[in-house]
């Protein structure tokens, strides 16, 4: 099999592939949609032959879908950096969440990391303003503090009471 697909974007239950070798081949994409629909765990598929893109909704790990596709000789999934980047991103997020939980626990629920960062950045912006460094350092810090404040308010609004 010489049809190679690569993952270009992945979210839980949703994976986008590119199959560059079949760009513009409407029949191939129509066939792949029909045949991948038989794969257990695939809930929906959208194909765009013009962009060589295949978007797959799934309830099982995508590796199972890829194995099915390989068995059916639809495509062979190549290893790419998206998986590595995703796992690195996931690891960083999980570690930051743990830091946030510990920080919140240590402050007896009074503070979280976002609130502390807001105070630190706000303080740094005041120091830079006092030093007369208004245009670049102070403004950048003011905007960072404001951004954190807005995100924190949105985060609090989305939490159930």
Protein backbone atom coordinates (compact mmCIF):
# COMPACT_ATOMS: atom_id res chain seq x y z
CA UNK A 1 0.00 0.00 0.00
CA UNK A 2 1.48 3.35 -0.98
CA UNK A 3 -1.27 5.70 0.17
CA UNK A 4 0.08 7.64 3.12
CA UNK A 5 -2.01 9.73 5.51
CA UNK A 6 -0.80 12.07 8.22
CA UNK A 7 -2.63 13.49 11.22
CA UNK A 8 -2.77 17.29 10.99
CA UNK A 9 -5.01 17.98 13.95
CA UNK A 10 -6.40 15.94 16.81
CA UNK A 11 -8.96 16.49 19.54
CA UNK A 12 -10.61 13.83 21.69
CA UNK A 13 -13.09 12.11 19.39
CA UNK A 14 -12.08 14.09 16.29
CA UNK A 15 -9.07 13.64 14.00
CA UNK A 16 -8.14 15.44 10.78
CA UNK A 17 -5.97 13.68 8.22
CA UNK A 18 -4.31 14.77 5.01
CA UNK A 19 -3.88 12.30 2.18
CA UNK A 20 -1.80 14.39 -0.20
CA UNK A 21 -1.31 11.66 -2.81
CA UNK A 22 -5.06 11.56 -3.48
CA UNK A 23 -5.70 15.33 -3.61
CA UNK A 24 -8.56 16.01 -6.01
CA UNK A 25 -9.51 12.33 -6.36
CA UNK A 26 -13.22 12.52 -5.60
CA UNK A 27 -13.81 8.80 -6.12
CA UNK A 28 -11.09 7.82 -3.65
CA UNK A 29 -12.52 10.07 -0.96
CA UNK A 30 -16.07 8.88 -1.64
CA UNK A 31 -14.85 5.28 -1.32
CA UNK A 32 -12.87 5.93 1.85
CA UNK A 33 -15.88 7.58 3.52
CA UNK A 34 -18.05 4.58 2.67
CA UNK A 35 -15.49 1.99 3.77
CA UNK A 36 -14.37 3.78 6.95
CA UNK A 37 -18.01 4.05 7.99
CA UNK A 38 -17.87 0.28 8.57
CA UNK A 39 -15.18 0.74 11.22
CA UNK A 40 -16.45 0.19 14.74
CA UNK A 41 -16.20 3.44 16.71
CA UNK A 42 -16.36 5.80 13.72
CA UNK A 43 -19.37 8.08 14.21
CA UNK A 44 -19.03 10.41 11.22
CA UNK A 45 -16.65 11.31 8.39
CA UNK A 46 -16.26 14.42 6.28
CA UNK A 47 -14.03 14.38 3.24
CA UNK A 48 -12.74 17.21 1.09
CA UNK A 49 -10.96 15.87 -2.00
CA UNK A 50 -9.96 19.37 -3.09
CA UNK A 51 -7.83 19.85 0.05
CA UNK A 52 -6.99 16.13 0.49
CA UNK A 53 -8.55 16.33 3.95
CA UNK A 54 -10.43 13.72 5.90
CA UNK A 55 -12.14 14.62 9.18
CA UNK A 56 -13.13 11.62 11.30
CA UNK A 57 -15.37 11.57 14.37
CA UNK A 58 -14.69 8.57 16.59
CA UNK A 59 -15.52 7.11 19.99
CA UNK A 60 -12.49 4.80 20.13
CA UNK A 61 -8.80 5.74 20.11
CA UNK A 62 -7.83 6.83 16.62
CA UNK A 63 -5.13 4.17 16.54
CA UNK A 64 -7.95 1.60 16.19
CA UNK A 65 -9.39 3.51 13.24
CA UNK A 66 -5.92 3.71 11.67
CA UNK A 67 -5.42 -0.03 12.15
CA UNK A 68 -8.77 -0.69 10.44
CA UNK A 69 -7.79 1.59 7.55
CA UNK A 70 -4.48 -0.24 7.16
CA UNK A 71 -6.21 -3.66 7.21
CA UNK A 72 -8.63 -2.45 4.54
CA UNK A 73 -5.70 -0.97 2.58
CA UNK A 74 -7.26 2.47 2.64
CA UNK A 75 -4.17 4.29 3.89
CA UNK A 76 -1.13 3.90 6.09
CA UNK A 77 -0.83 6.41 8.91
CA UNK A 78 2.61 7.99 9.17
CA UNK A 79 4.18 9.00 12.42
CA UNK A 80 4.46 12.76 12.66
CA UNK A 81 5.25 15.48 15.11
CA UNK A 82 1.58 16.22 15.95
CA UNK A 83 1.44 13.22 18.29
CA UNK A 84 4.66 14.28 20.02
CA UNK A 85 3.49 17.89 20.29
CA UNK A 86 0.12 16.79 21.64
CA UNK A 87 1.66 14.53 24.27
CA UNK A 88 4.09 17.27 25.32
CA UNK A 89 1.21 19.76 25.50
CA UNK A 90 -0.90 17.32 27.50
CA UNK A 91 1.99 16.67 29.91
CA UNK A 92 2.60 20.39 30.46
CA UNK A 93 -1.11 21.05 31.03
CA UNK A 94 -1.40 18.16 33.50
CA UNK A 95 1.66 19.37 35.43
CA UNK A 96 0.33 22.93 35.56
CA UNK A 97 -3.03 21.65 36.77
CA UNK A 98 -1.28 19.77 39.58
CA UNK A 99 0.67 22.91 40.54
CA UNK A 100 -2.59 24.86 40.56
CA UNK A 101 -4.29 22.26 42.80
CA UNK A 102 -1.37 22.29 45.26
CA UNK A 103 -1.18 26.08 45.23
CA UNK A 104 -4.92 26.38 45.86
CA UNK A 105 -4.71 23.83 48.66
CA UNK A 106 -1.77 25.63 50.33
CA UNK A 107 -3.67 28.92 50.24
CA UNK A 108 -6.77 27.23 51.71
CA UNK A 109 -8.75 27.97 48.56
CA UNK A 110 -8.07 31.71 48.63
CA UNK A 111 -5.73 31.79 45.63
CA UNK A 112 -5.11 29.93 42.43
CA UNK A 113 -2.14 30.23 40.07
CA UNK A 114 -3.98 32.64 37.74
CA UNK A 115 -4.78 35.01 40.60
CA UNK A 116 -1.18 34.91 41.85
CA UNK A 117 0.18 35.52 38.34
CA UNK A 118 -2.20 38.43 37.94
CA UNK A 119 -0.89 40.05 41.14
CA UNK A 120 2.75 39.41 40.19
CA UNK A 121 2.35 40.79 36.66
CA UNK A 122 0.36 43.75 37.92
CA UNK A 123 3.09 44.49 40.47
CA UNK A 124 5.81 44.22 37.81
CA UNK A 125 3.89 46.60 35.56
CA UNK A 126 3.69 49.15 38.40
CA UNK A 127 7.47 48.84 38.95
CA UNK A 128 8.16 49.33 35.22
CA UNK A 129 5.81 52.32 35.12
CA UNK A 130 7.56 53.86 38.14
CA UNK A 131 10.90 53.41 36.37
CA UNK A 132 9.54 55.29 33.36
CA UNK A 133 9.62 52.19 31.17
CA UNK A 134 6.10 52.77 29.97
CA UNK A 135 6.00 51.95 26.28
CA UNK A 136 7.36 48.44 26.01
CA UNK A 137 7.85 46.71 29.38
CA UNK A 138 5.04 48.36 31.33
CA UNK A 139 2.47 48.18 28.54
CA UNK A 140 3.28 44.54 27.83
CA UNK A 141 2.89 43.69 31.51
CA UNK A 142 -0.34 45.70 31.81
CA UNK A 143 -1.79 43.82 28.85
CA UNK A 144 -0.67 40.47 30.28
CA UNK A 145 -2.29 41.32 33.62
CA UNK A 146 -5.49 42.41 31.89
CA UNK A 147 -5.51 39.25 29.78
CA UNK A 148 -5.13 37.09 32.89
CA UNK A 149 -7.89 39.02 34.62
CA UNK A 150 -10.28 38.54 31.71
CA UNK A 151 -9.45 34.83 31.42
CA UNK A 152 -9.89 34.39 35.17
CA UNK A 153 -13.30 36.08 35.09
CA UNK A 154 -14.35 33.86 32.14
CA UNK A 155 -13.04 30.81 34.01
CA UNK A 156 -15.00 31.72 37.14
CA UNK A 157 -18.14 32.39 35.10
CA UNK A 158 -17.95 28.93 33.54
CA UNK A 159 -17.57 27.08 36.86
CA UNK A 160 -20.71 25.56 38.35
CA UNK A 161 -21.68 27.01 41.71
